[in-house]
Amino acid sequence: MGDTKSVTSITTVEMERAAALETEELLVPRRCTLDGFAEEASRRGGMDLAELPALTRLEVQTQNTAYEVTLLSPLESKVLIRGGRFFAEPAESYLCGSSYGGNLLKVSWVGVGMRLTLDANGAEFDRLFLELMIGHHNGALIMVDELFSFAGAGQQSDIFAFASDVDADQRMEIERMSGMLKERQK
């Protein structure tokens, strides 16, 4: 009976904590809510691809890159995209929509001040995956270089060993992925 009482008391405490959380006001940026996202997207302006005729050509400027987007199938959001480091040659893709980097997406929409979300299939997806992963692993190498560039940083034996392993591992993975990428370009 003592065991039952302790389980009951734990359950009661957990329920009290849950009730307290329900009464707390959680502060979430308005644009991270569905209503706020919809308001922000409509206020900023943009265009719905489904309302444009096929073969419409758009010039889309993101924060880092300019793209030329040709709409192949408006209802499917199927596009031919060229520009930037990943689309030096025109590639078929699906322009999923725009977001603010969270999990809310305005489907089939190119929005001002929003992030462009693309999708690719087959060999094109494989190529993009490898190129993006190489960039990701290069980021780890930059972080290791940054660590060792600060006086006194990375000198503890466990951190030094870990950072050295990261450097070696990432270089090996980059070499491996670069080889896979070259094989696919033949």
Protein backbone atom coordinates (compact mmCIF):
# COMPACT_ATOMS: atom_id res chain seq x y z
CA MET A 1 0.00 0.00 0.00
CA GLY A 2 2.94 2.31 0.67
CA ASP A 3 4.11 1.87 -2.92
CA THR A 4 0.69 2.78 -4.26
CA LYS A 5 0.62 5.95 -2.15
CA SER A 6 4.02 7.10 -3.43
CA VAL A 7 3.01 6.51 -7.06
CA THR A 8 -0.22 8.42 -6.46
CA SER A 9 1.62 11.33 -4.85
CA ILE A 10 4.07 11.55 -7.76
CA THR A 11 1.18 11.50 -10.21
CA THR A 12 -0.57 14.25 -8.23
CA VAL A 13 2.58 16.41 -8.22
CA GLU A 14 3.01 15.93 -11.97
CA MET A 15 -0.63 16.88 -12.53
CA GLU A 16 -0.20 20.01 -10.41
CA ARG A 17 2.88 21.01 -12.44
CA ALA A 18 0.99 20.43 -15.70
CA ALA A 19 -1.91 22.56 -14.44
CA ALA A 20 0.51 25.33 -13.45
CA LEU A 21 2.06 25.27 -16.94
CA GLU A 22 -1.37 25.58 -18.53
CA THR A 23 -2.02 28.79 -16.59
CA GLU A 24 1.38 30.30 -17.44
CA GLU A 25 1.45 32.62 -20.40
CA LEU A 26 3.95 31.38 -22.96
CA LEU A 27 5.48 34.07 -25.13
CA VAL A 28 5.77 32.97 -28.74
CA PRO A 29 6.52 35.42 -31.54
CA ARG A 30 3.26 36.15 -33.34
CA ARG A 31 4.59 35.10 -36.74
CA CYS A 32 5.32 31.64 -35.27
CA THR A 33 1.60 31.05 -34.77
CA LEU A 34 -0.57 30.00 -37.70
CA ASP A 35 -2.64 33.21 -37.62
CA GLY A 36 0.41 35.43 -37.22
CA PHE A 37 2.25 33.62 -40.02
CA ALA A 38 -0.72 34.07 -42.38
CA GLU A 39 -1.02 37.78 -41.50
CA GLU A 40 2.71 38.41 -41.90
CA ALA A 41 2.91 36.56 -45.23
CA SER A 42 -0.05 38.46 -46.70
CA ARG A 43 1.19 41.82 -45.39
CA ARG A 44 4.67 41.39 -46.87
CA GLY A 45 3.41 40.55 -50.33
CA GLY A 46 4.40 37.95 -52.85
CA MET A 47 2.82 35.76 -55.45
CA ASP A 48 1.01 32.47 -55.62
CA LEU A 49 2.55 30.27 -58.30
CA ALA A 50 -0.78 28.53 -58.95
CA GLU A 51 -2.18 31.83 -60.27
CA LEU A 52 0.57 32.30 -62.88
CA PRO A 53 0.62 30.81 -66.38
CA ALA A 54 3.08 28.07 -67.29
CA LEU A 55 6.48 29.26 -68.55
CA THR A 56 6.33 32.45 -66.48
CA ARG A 57 9.90 33.47 -65.68
CA LEU A 58 10.61 34.98 -62.27
CA GLU A 59 13.74 36.61 -60.94
CA VAL A 60 13.94 35.74 -57.25
CA GLN A 61 16.51 37.45 -55.05
CA THR A 62 17.17 35.79 -51.70
CA GLN A 63 19.45 37.18 -49.02
CA ASN A 64 22.44 35.43 -50.57
CA THR A 65 21.59 34.47 -54.14
CA ALA A 66 19.68 35.50 -57.25
CA TYR A 67 17.70 32.77 -58.99
CA GLU A 68 15.97 32.55 -62.34
CA VAL A 69 12.82 30.49 -61.86
CA THR A 70 10.73 29.29 -64.81
CA LEU A 71 7.34 27.91 -63.88
CA LEU A 72 6.79 24.58 -65.67
CA SER A 73 3.57 23.40 -64.01
CA PRO A 74 1.80 25.99 -61.86
CA LEU A 75 -0.57 23.61 -60.04
CA GLU A 76 2.29 21.29 -59.05
CA SER A 77 4.71 24.17 -58.32
CA LYS A 78 7.16 22.44 -60.66
CA VAL A 79 9.90 24.83 -61.72
CA LEU A 80 13.14 25.02 -63.62
CA ILE A 81 15.61 26.87 -61.40
CA ARG A 82 19.03 28.32 -62.13
CA GLY A 83 21.36 30.39 -60.01
CA GLY A 84 23.61 30.30 -57.03
CA ARG A 85 26.11 27.69 -56.08
CA PHE A 86 23.68 24.77 -56.16
CA PHE A 87 21.93 25.50 -59.44
CA ALA A 88 24.73 26.60 -61.77
CA GLU A 89 22.92 24.62 -64.47
CA PRO A 90 19.11 24.72 -64.81
CA ALA A 91 17.48 21.97 -62.72
CA GLU A 92 13.91 20.78 -62.33
CA SER A 93 12.62 21.21 -58.82
CA TYR A 94 9.46 21.84 -56.86
CA LEU A 95 9.09 25.21 -55.23
CA CYS A 96 7.31 24.12 -52.08
CA GLY A 97 6.64 27.64 -50.88
CA SER A 98 7.98 30.23 -48.46
CA SER A 99 8.55 30.28 -44.74
CA TYR A 100 10.30 32.25 -42.03
CA GLY A 101 12.57 29.29 -41.32
CA GLY A 102 10.17 27.52 -38.98
CA ASN A 103 7.76 24.71 -39.65
CA LEU A 104 5.00 26.88 -41.15
CA LEU A 105 5.04 27.01 -44.94
CA LYS A 106 2.92 29.10 -47.27
CA VAL A 107 2.53 26.53 -50.03
CA SER A 108 3.18 27.50 -53.66
CA TRP A 109 4.07 31.03 -52.55
CA VAL A 110 7.07 33.24 -53.20
CA GLY A 111 6.97 35.79 -50.39
CA VAL A 112 8.91 38.99 -49.87
CA GLY A 113 11.26 38.65 -46.89
CA MET A 114 10.59 34.92 -46.57
CA ARG A 115 12.80 31.88 -47.12
CA LEU A 116 12.41 29.96 -50.36
CA THR A 117 11.82 26.23 -49.88
CA LEU A 118 12.70 23.91 -52.76
CA ASP A 119 12.40 20.19 -53.30
CA ALA A 120 14.21 17.96 -55.77
CA ASN A 121 13.93 14.32 -56.81
CA GLY A 122 16.19 11.50 -57.95
CA ALA A 123 19.70 12.30 -59.12
CA GLU A 124 19.17 16.03 -58.58
CA PHE A 125 18.27 15.41 -54.94
CA ASP A 126 21.37 13.23 -54.54
CA ARG A 127 23.58 15.99 -55.95
CA LEU A 128 22.04 18.64 -53.72
CA PHE A 129 22.32 16.38 -50.68
CA LEU A 130 26.03 15.80 -51.27
CA GLU A 131 26.77 19.48 -51.96
CA LEU A 132 24.86 20.63 -48.88
CA MET A 133 26.50 17.98 -46.69
CA ILE A 134 29.95 19.02 -47.91
CA GLY A 135 29.06 22.58 -46.89
CA HIS A 136 27.82 21.32 -43.53
CA HIS A 137 31.05 19.41 -42.88
CA ASN A 138 33.11 22.44 -43.98
CA GLY A 139 31.25 24.36 -41.28
CA ALA A 140 32.63 21.92 -38.69
CA LEU A 141 36.16 22.51 -40.00
CA ILE A 142 35.66 26.26 -39.70
CA MET A 143 34.50 25.80 -36.10
CA VAL A 144 37.62 23.77 -35.26
CA ASP A 145 39.83 26.43 -36.89
CA GLU A 146 38.02 29.11 -34.89
CA LEU A 147 38.53 27.15 -31.67
CA PHE A 148 42.29 26.87 -32.20
CA SER A 149 42.61 30.50 -33.34
CA PHE A 150 41.76 31.83 -29.87
CA ALA A 151 44.62 31.95 -27.41
CA GLY A 152 44.20 29.33 -24.70
CA ALA A 153 41.14 27.72 -26.30
CA GLY A 154 41.11 24.00 -27.05
CA GLN A 155 44.10 23.29 -24.84
CA GLN A 156 42.45 20.90 -22.40
CA SER A 157 43.39 17.38 -23.45
CA ASP A 158 39.82 16.12 -23.95
CA ILE A 159 38.75 19.16 -26.01
CA PHE A 160 41.97 19.12 -28.04
CA ALA A 161 41.55 15.39 -28.79
CA PHE A 162 37.87 15.81 -29.70
CA ALA A 163 38.49 18.83 -31.97
CA SER A 164 41.39 17.01 -33.66
CA ASP A 165 39.14 13.98 -34.26
CA VAL A 166 36.39 16.22 -35.65
CA ASP A 167 38.88 17.79 -38.04
CA ALA A 168 40.18 14.43 -39.28
CA ASP A 169 36.72 12.86 -39.53
CA GLN A 170 35.17 15.80 -41.39
CA ARG A 171 38.04 15.96 -43.88
CA MET A 172 37.64 12.23 -44.56
CA GLU A 173 33.86 12.61 -45.04
CA ILE A 174 34.30 15.62 -47.34
CA GLU A 175 36.77 13.64 -49.46
CA ARG A 176 34.36 10.70 -49.60
CA MET A 177 31.36 12.86 -50.57
CA SER A 178 33.42 14.81 -53.14
CA GLY A 179 34.35 11.50 -54.75
CA MET A 180 30.71 10.43 -54.84
CA LEU A 181 29.78 13.78 -56.39
CA LYS A 182 32.47 13.44 -59.09
CA GLU A 183 31.23 9.91 -59.91
CA ARG A 184 27.72 11.24 -60.49
CA GLN A 185 28.96 14.00 -62.78
CA LYS A 186 30.49 11.52 -65.25
